[in-house]
Amino acid sequence: MKHLKKFNESVDNEILGDILLELKDMDLEVTIHPISSKITYLLKLEKTKVIYIRPNRYEHQARRQEVPTFEWKDVKESILRIRDYLGENLIGFQYCYSNLNILYKKIELDELNDNLDIPYKLFSINIEYTP
């Protein structure tokens, strides 16, 4: 597969887009935005981006369903491919879930592996990286 590892220092948006397309095909909304965060400030990184992954809220609102969620097991393979592709450019990973309250959980990068199990219904996943 062409997107398992990158061979240069920068992230190729076309290759990353191919991986993200798999998530969009699962009816998830996937956007990439530049961000400014504590991690960015502490590492003195000028350019940091975040990939936001969440259910397609507009479609669910049109059907008047409950707040849409998705499961880790459904996206795990694609997320791990993103991790593998970004390599050292990956600087942060967190997910949002509900356990009576909306909570955010940041995962250490070494914990983002095949053994990671997230038992909750997810509202979103955020992946920070340097381009």
N, C-alpha and C. Protein backbone atom coordinates (compact mmCIF):
# COMPACT_ATOMS: atom_id res chain seq x y z
N MET A 1 0.84 -1.18 0.00
CA MET A 1 0.00 0.00 0.00
C MET A 1 0.88 1.23 0.00
N LYS A 2 0.45 2.24 -0.74
CA LYS A 2 1.29 3.42 -0.86
C LYS A 2 1.29 4.30 0.38
N HIS A 3 0.37 4.10 1.32
CA HIS A 3 0.28 5.02 2.44
C HIS A 3 0.70 4.42 3.78
N LEU A 4 1.44 3.35 3.79
CA LEU A 4 1.84 2.78 5.07
C LEU A 4 2.94 3.59 5.74
N LYS A 5 3.92 4.05 4.97
CA LYS A 5 5.01 4.85 5.52
C LYS A 5 5.31 5.97 4.55
N LYS A 6 5.67 7.12 5.05
CA LYS A 6 6.08 8.19 4.16
C LYS A 6 7.60 8.18 4.06
N PHE A 7 8.08 8.65 2.92
CA PHE A 7 9.51 8.56 2.67
C PHE A 7 10.20 9.91 2.70
N ASN A 8 9.48 10.96 3.00
CA ASN A 8 10.12 12.26 3.13
C ASN A 8 9.67 12.90 4.42
N GLU A 9 10.15 14.08 4.69
CA GLU A 9 9.86 14.73 5.97
C GLU A 9 8.47 15.33 6.06
N SER A 10 7.90 15.75 4.93
CA SER A 10 6.61 16.42 5.00
C SER A 10 5.47 15.43 4.72
N VAL A 11 4.29 15.83 5.13
CA VAL A 11 3.09 15.00 4.95
C VAL A 11 2.51 15.30 3.58
N ASP A 12 2.28 14.28 2.80
CA ASP A 12 1.67 14.42 1.48
C ASP A 12 0.15 14.41 1.68
N ASN A 13 -0.49 15.56 1.42
CA ASN A 13 -1.93 15.67 1.67
C ASN A 13 -2.75 14.72 0.81
N GLU A 14 -2.26 14.37 -0.37
CA GLU A 14 -3.01 13.45 -1.23
C GLU A 14 -3.03 12.05 -0.61
N ILE A 15 -1.88 11.61 -0.11
CA ILE A 15 -1.82 10.28 0.51
C ILE A 15 -2.65 10.26 1.79
N LEU A 16 -2.50 11.31 2.62
CA LEU A 16 -3.30 11.40 3.84
C LEU A 16 -4.79 11.42 3.49
N GLY A 17 -5.13 12.14 2.42
CA GLY A 17 -6.52 12.21 1.97
C GLY A 17 -7.09 10.86 1.59
N ASP A 18 -6.25 9.99 1.00
CA ASP A 18 -6.70 8.64 0.65
C ASP A 18 -7.10 7.86 1.89
N ILE A 19 -6.32 8.01 2.96
CA ILE A 19 -6.64 7.29 4.21
C ILE A 19 -7.91 7.88 4.83
N LEU A 20 -8.02 9.21 4.81
CA LEU A 20 -9.18 9.86 5.41
C LEU A 20 -10.46 9.56 4.63
N LEU A 21 -10.34 9.28 3.35
CA LEU A 21 -11.51 8.94 2.54
C LEU A 21 -12.20 7.68 3.07
N GLU A 22 -11.42 6.75 3.61
CA GLU A 22 -12.01 5.54 4.20
C GLU A 22 -12.95 5.91 5.34
N LEU A 23 -12.56 6.91 6.15
CA LEU A 23 -13.40 7.34 7.26
C LEU A 23 -14.64 8.07 6.75
N LYS A 24 -14.48 8.86 5.70
CA LYS A 24 -15.63 9.56 5.12
C LYS A 24 -16.63 8.55 4.55
N ASP A 25 -16.12 7.46 4.02
CA ASP A 25 -17.00 6.41 3.48
C ASP A 25 -17.81 5.74 4.58
N MET A 26 -17.41 5.89 5.84
CA MET A 26 -18.15 5.35 6.98
C MET A 26 -19.15 6.37 7.51
N ASP A 27 -19.46 7.39 6.71
CA ASP A 27 -20.39 8.46 7.08
C ASP A 27 -19.86 9.30 8.24
N LEU A 28 -18.54 9.49 8.27
CA LEU A 28 -17.94 10.36 9.27
C LEU A 28 -17.51 11.66 8.59
N GLU A 29 -17.61 12.74 9.33
CA GLU A 29 -17.15 14.03 8.85
C GLU A 29 -15.68 14.15 9.23
N VAL A 30 -14.81 14.43 8.26
CA VAL A 30 -13.38 14.53 8.49
C VAL A 30 -12.90 15.86 7.95
N THR A 31 -12.32 16.69 8.84
CA THR A 31 -11.78 17.98 8.42
C THR A 31 -10.38 18.16 8.99
N ILE A 32 -9.59 18.96 8.30
CA ILE A 32 -8.23 19.28 8.76
C ILE A 32 -8.15 20.78 8.90
N HIS A 33 -7.69 21.23 10.08
CA HIS A 33 -7.58 22.66 10.35
C HIS A 33 -6.23 22.97 11.00
N PRO A 34 -5.72 24.17 10.73
CA PRO A 34 -4.55 24.61 11.51
C PRO A 34 -5.01 24.93 12.92
N ILE A 35 -4.18 24.68 13.91
CA ILE A 35 -4.58 24.97 15.29
C ILE A 35 -3.46 25.66 16.05
N SER A 36 -3.84 26.19 17.17
CA SER A 36 -2.88 26.74 18.11
C SER A 36 -3.25 26.15 19.46
N SER A 37 -2.36 25.38 20.05
CA SER A 37 -2.67 24.72 21.31
C SER A 37 -1.49 24.83 22.26
N LYS A 38 -1.68 24.33 23.48
CA LYS A 38 -0.59 24.32 24.44
C LYS A 38 0.59 23.50 23.93
N ILE A 39 0.29 22.36 23.30
CA ILE A 39 1.36 21.52 22.77
C ILE A 39 2.16 22.31 21.74
N THR A 40 1.44 23.00 20.84
CA THR A 40 2.10 23.79 19.80
C THR A 40 2.99 24.86 20.43
N TYR A 41 2.46 25.53 21.44
CA TYR A 41 3.21 26.60 22.09
C TYR A 41 4.45 26.04 22.80
N LEU A 42 4.28 24.96 23.55
CA LEU A 42 5.40 24.39 24.29
C LEU A 42 6.50 23.86 23.38
N LEU A 43 6.10 23.27 22.26
CA LEU A 43 7.09 22.73 21.34
C LEU A 43 7.61 23.78 20.35
N LYS A 44 7.03 24.99 20.44
CA LYS A 44 7.40 26.09 19.56
C LYS A 44 7.24 25.71 18.09
N LEU A 45 6.17 25.02 17.81
CA LEU A 45 5.87 24.64 16.44
C LEU A 45 5.02 25.73 15.81
N GLU A 46 5.44 26.22 14.68
CA GLU A 46 4.67 27.27 14.01
C GLU A 46 3.47 26.71 13.27
N LYS A 47 3.65 25.55 12.67
CA LYS A 47 2.56 24.97 11.88
C LYS A 47 2.16 23.64 12.50
N THR A 48 0.97 23.62 13.01
CA THR A 48 0.41 22.38 13.53
C THR A 48 -1.00 22.28 12.97
N LYS A 49 -1.39 21.08 12.61
CA LYS A 49 -2.74 20.87 12.10
C LYS A 49 -3.41 19.81 12.95
N VAL A 50 -4.73 19.82 12.89
CA VAL A 50 -5.50 18.79 13.59
C VAL A 50 -6.52 18.20 12.62
N ILE A 51 -6.63 16.88 12.68
CA ILE A 51 -7.65 16.17 11.93
C ILE A 51 -8.81 15.94 12.90
N TYR A 52 -9.98 16.48 12.57
CA TYR A 52 -11.18 16.27 13.38
C TYR A 52 -12.01 15.19 12.71
N ILE A 53 -12.37 14.17 13.47
CA ILE A 53 -13.19 13.08 12.95
C ILE A 53 -14.42 12.98 13.85
N ARG A 54 -15.59 13.06 13.24
CA ARG A 54 -16.83 12.97 14.01
C ARG A 54 -17.96 12.51 13.10
N PRO A 55 -19.06 12.04 13.68
CA PRO A 55 -20.18 11.62 12.84
C PRO A 55 -20.72 12.79 12.02
N ASN A 56 -21.31 12.48 10.91
CA ASN A 56 -21.93 13.50 10.08
C ASN A 56 -23.18 13.99 10.80
N ARG A 57 -23.02 15.06 11.53
CA ARG A 57 -24.10 15.56 12.40
C ARG A 57 -25.31 16.08 11.61
N TYR A 58 -25.08 16.68 10.46
CA TYR A 58 -26.19 17.27 9.72
C TYR A 58 -27.18 16.22 9.26
N GLU A 59 -26.68 15.10 8.81
CA GLU A 59 -27.55 14.02 8.36
C GLU A 59 -28.38 13.48 9.53
N HIS A 60 -27.75 13.33 10.69
CA HIS A 60 -28.48 12.82 11.86
C HIS A 60 -29.49 13.83 12.38
N GLN A 61 -29.13 15.12 12.33
CA GLN A 61 -30.07 16.14 12.78
C GLN A 61 -31.29 16.19 11.87
N ALA A 62 -31.07 15.98 10.57
CA ALA A 62 -32.19 15.99 9.63
C ALA A 62 -33.17 14.86 9.93
N ARG A 63 -32.64 13.75 10.42
CA ARG A 63 -33.49 12.60 10.78
C ARG A 63 -34.01 12.71 12.21
N ARG A 64 -33.56 13.71 12.94
CA ARG A 64 -33.95 13.95 14.33
C ARG A 64 -33.62 12.75 15.23
N GLN A 65 -32.44 12.22 15.03
CA GLN A 65 -31.98 11.13 15.87
C GLN A 65 -31.23 11.68 17.07
N GLU A 66 -30.89 10.80 18.00
CA GLU A 66 -30.09 11.21 19.14
C GLU A 66 -28.70 11.64 18.67
N VAL A 67 -27.94 12.21 19.57
CA VAL A 67 -26.61 12.68 19.23
C VAL A 67 -25.81 11.52 18.64
N PRO A 68 -25.27 11.70 17.44
CA PRO A 68 -24.59 10.59 16.78
C PRO A 68 -23.24 10.26 17.42
N THR A 69 -22.93 8.99 17.43
CA THR A 69 -21.65 8.51 17.95
C THR A 69 -21.11 7.45 16.99
N PHE A 70 -19.89 7.01 17.26
CA PHE A 70 -19.31 5.91 16.51
C PHE A 70 -18.44 5.11 17.45
N GLU A 71 -18.04 3.92 17.01
CA GLU A 71 -17.26 3.04 17.87
C GLU A 71 -15.82 2.95 17.41
N TRP A 72 -14.91 2.82 18.39
CA TRP A 72 -13.49 2.70 18.12
C TRP A 72 -13.19 1.53 17.19
N LYS A 73 -13.83 0.41 17.42
CA LYS A 73 -13.54 -0.79 16.62
C LYS A 73 -13.80 -0.55 15.14
N ASP A 74 -14.71 0.37 14.81
CA ASP A 74 -15.03 0.65 13.41
C ASP A 74 -13.97 1.51 12.72
N VAL A 75 -13.26 2.33 13.48
CA VAL A 75 -12.29 3.26 12.89
C VAL A 75 -10.84 2.92 13.23
N LYS A 76 -10.65 1.96 14.11
CA LYS A 76 -9.32 1.64 14.63
C LYS A 76 -8.29 1.40 13.53
N GLU A 77 -8.63 0.58 12.55
CA GLU A 77 -7.68 0.25 11.49
C GLU A 77 -7.24 1.50 10.73
N SER A 78 -8.18 2.37 10.39
CA SER A 78 -7.84 3.60 9.66
C SER A 78 -7.00 4.54 10.53
N ILE A 79 -7.35 4.65 11.81
CA ILE A 79 -6.60 5.53 12.70
C ILE A 79 -5.16 5.03 12.86
N LEU A 80 -4.98 3.73 12.98
CA LEU A 80 -3.63 3.20 13.11
C LEU A 80 -2.83 3.38 11.82
N ARG A 81 -3.50 3.37 10.67
CA ARG A 81 -2.80 3.67 9.41
C ARG A 81 -2.39 5.14 9.37
N ILE A 82 -3.24 6.03 9.89
CA ILE A 82 -2.87 7.45 9.98
C ILE A 82 -1.64 7.59 10.88
N ARG A 83 -1.67 6.91 12.02
CA ARG A 83 -0.52 6.94 12.94
C ARG A 83 0.75 6.47 12.23
N ASP A 84 0.67 5.35 11.54
CA ASP A 84 1.84 4.82 10.84
C ASP A 84 2.33 5.78 9.76
N TYR A 85 1.39 6.38 9.03
CA TYR A 85 1.79 7.28 7.96
C TYR A 85 2.44 8.56 8.51
N LEU A 86 1.85 9.14 9.55
CA LEU A 86 2.38 10.39 10.09
C LEU A 86 3.72 10.19 10.80
N GLY A 87 3.91 9.03 11.41
CA GLY A 87 5.19 8.74 12.07
C GLY A 87 5.56 9.80 13.09
N GLU A 88 6.74 10.39 12.94
CA GLU A 88 7.24 11.39 13.89
C GLU A 88 6.49 12.71 13.79
N ASN A 89 5.70 12.90 12.75
CA ASN A 89 4.92 14.13 12.62
C ASN A 89 3.68 14.12 13.53
N LEU A 90 3.31 12.96 14.05
CA LEU A 90 2.17 12.84 14.96
C LEU A 90 2.56 13.39 16.33
N ILE A 91 1.78 14.36 16.83
CA ILE A 91 2.13 14.94 18.14
C ILE A 91 1.03 14.84 19.18
N GLY A 92 -0.19 14.44 18.80
CA GLY A 92 -1.24 14.33 19.80
C GLY A 92 -2.45 13.56 19.31
N PHE A 93 -3.13 12.88 20.25
CA PHE A 93 -4.33 12.11 19.93
C PHE A 93 -5.27 12.20 21.13
N GLN A 94 -6.52 12.54 20.87
CA GLN A 94 -7.51 12.51 21.94
C GLN A 94 -8.87 12.16 21.36
N TYR A 95 -9.73 11.65 22.24
CA TYR A 95 -11.09 11.36 21.81
C TYR A 95 -12.08 11.94 22.81
N CYS A 96 -13.30 12.12 22.34
CA CYS A 96 -14.38 12.67 23.16
C CYS A 96 -15.46 11.61 23.26
N TYR A 97 -15.91 11.37 24.50
CA TYR A 97 -16.94 10.36 24.73
C TYR A 97 -17.87 10.84 25.84
N SER A 98 -18.91 10.10 26.07
CA SER A 98 -19.85 10.46 27.13
C SER A 98 -19.96 9.34 28.13
N ASN A 99 -19.82 9.71 29.38
CA ASN A 99 -20.05 8.81 30.49
C ASN A 99 -20.88 9.62 31.48
N LEU A 100 -22.09 9.97 31.06
CA LEU A 100 -23.01 10.90 31.71
C LEU A 100 -22.59 12.35 31.52
N ASN A 101 -21.32 12.63 31.39
CA ASN A 101 -20.81 13.95 31.04
C ASN A 101 -19.97 13.79 29.79
N ILE A 102 -19.79 14.88 29.06
CA ILE A 102 -18.90 14.82 27.90
C ILE A 102 -17.48 14.95 28.39
N LEU A 103 -16.65 13.99 28.05
CA LEU A 103 -15.28 13.94 28.54
C LEU A 103 -14.30 13.82 27.38
N TYR A 104 -13.13 14.42 27.57
CA TYR A 104 -12.04 14.29 26.60
C TYR A 104 -10.93 13.47 27.23
N LYS A 105 -10.37 12.56 26.49
CA LYS A 105 -9.28 11.72 26.99
C LYS A 105 -8.12 11.81 26.02
N LYS A 106 -6.99 12.25 26.52
CA LYS A 106 -5.78 12.32 25.72
C LYS A 106 -5.04 11.00 25.88
N ILE A 107 -4.58 10.44 24.77
CA ILE A 107 -3.87 9.16 24.77
C ILE A 107 -2.39 9.45 24.51
N GLU A 108 -1.54 8.85 25.31
CA GLU A 108 -0.10 8.94 25.04
C GLU A 108 0.17 8.24 23.71
N LEU A 109 1.08 8.78 22.92
CA LEU A 109 1.30 8.25 21.59
C LEU A 109 1.76 6.80 21.59
N ASP A 110 2.51 6.39 22.62
CA ASP A 110 2.94 4.99 22.66
C ASP A 110 1.78 4.04 23.01
N GLU A 111 0.67 4.58 23.52
CA GLU A 111 -0.52 3.77 23.81
C GLU A 111 -1.41 3.60 22.58
N LEU A 112 -1.16 4.41 21.55
CA LEU A 112 -1.96 4.36 20.33
C LEU A 112 -1.45 3.20 19.47
N ASN A 113 -1.93 1.99 19.79
CA ASN A 113 -1.45 0.79 19.11
C ASN A 113 -2.59 -0.22 18.97
N ASP A 114 -2.26 -1.39 18.47
CA ASP A 114 -3.27 -2.44 18.24
C ASP A 114 -3.99 -2.86 19.51
N ASN A 115 -3.36 -2.70 20.66
CA ASN A 115 -3.95 -3.14 21.92
C ASN A 115 -4.89 -2.11 22.55
N LEU A 116 -4.93 -0.90 22.00
CA LEU A 116 -5.79 0.14 22.57
C LEU A 116 -7.25 -0.27 22.40
N ASP A 117 -7.98 -0.25 23.51
CA ASP A 117 -9.40 -0.56 23.48
C ASP A 117 -10.14 0.63 24.08
N ILE A 118 -11.05 1.18 23.33
CA ILE A 118 -11.87 2.29 23.82
C ILE A 118 -13.31 1.77 23.87
N PRO A 119 -13.82 1.50 25.07
CA PRO A 119 -15.12 0.85 25.19
C PRO A 119 -16.32 1.79 25.05
N TYR A 120 -16.08 3.08 24.92
CA TYR A 120 -17.16 4.06 24.91
C TYR A 120 -17.63 4.37 23.49
N LYS A 121 -18.84 4.86 23.39
CA LYS A 121 -19.33 5.45 22.15
C LYS A 121 -18.63 6.80 22.01
N LEU A 122 -18.07 7.06 20.86
CA LEU A 122 -17.27 8.27 20.65
C LEU A 122 -18.07 9.36 19.95
N PHE A 123 -17.81 10.61 20.37
CA PHE A 123 -18.37 11.77 19.69
C PHE A 123 -17.38 12.31 18.66
N SER A 124 -16.08 12.20 18.97
CA SER A 124 -15.08 12.72 18.04
C SER A 124 -13.70 12.18 18.39
N ILE A 125 -12.80 12.31 17.41
CA ILE A 125 -11.37 12.02 17.58
C ILE A 125 -10.61 13.19 17.00
N ASN A 126 -9.57 13.64 17.69
CA ASN A 126 -8.70 14.70 17.22
C ASN A 126 -7.27 14.17 17.13
N ILE A 127 -6.64 14.39 15.99
CA ILE A 127 -5.27 13.94 15.78
C ILE A 127 -4.43 15.16 15.40
N GLU A 128 -3.47 15.52 16.25
CA GLU A 128 -2.59 16.67 15.98
C GLU A 128 -1.32 16.19 15.30
N TYR A 129 -0.87 16.96 14.30
CA TYR A 129 0.36 16.61 13.59
C TYR A 129 1.02 17.85 13.01
N THR A 130 2.28 17.69 12.66
CA THR A 130 2.99 18.75 11.96
C THR A 130 3.07 18.37 10.49
N PRO A 131 2.75 19.30 9.59
CA PRO A 131 2.78 18.98 8.15
C PRO A 131 4.21 18.82 7.63
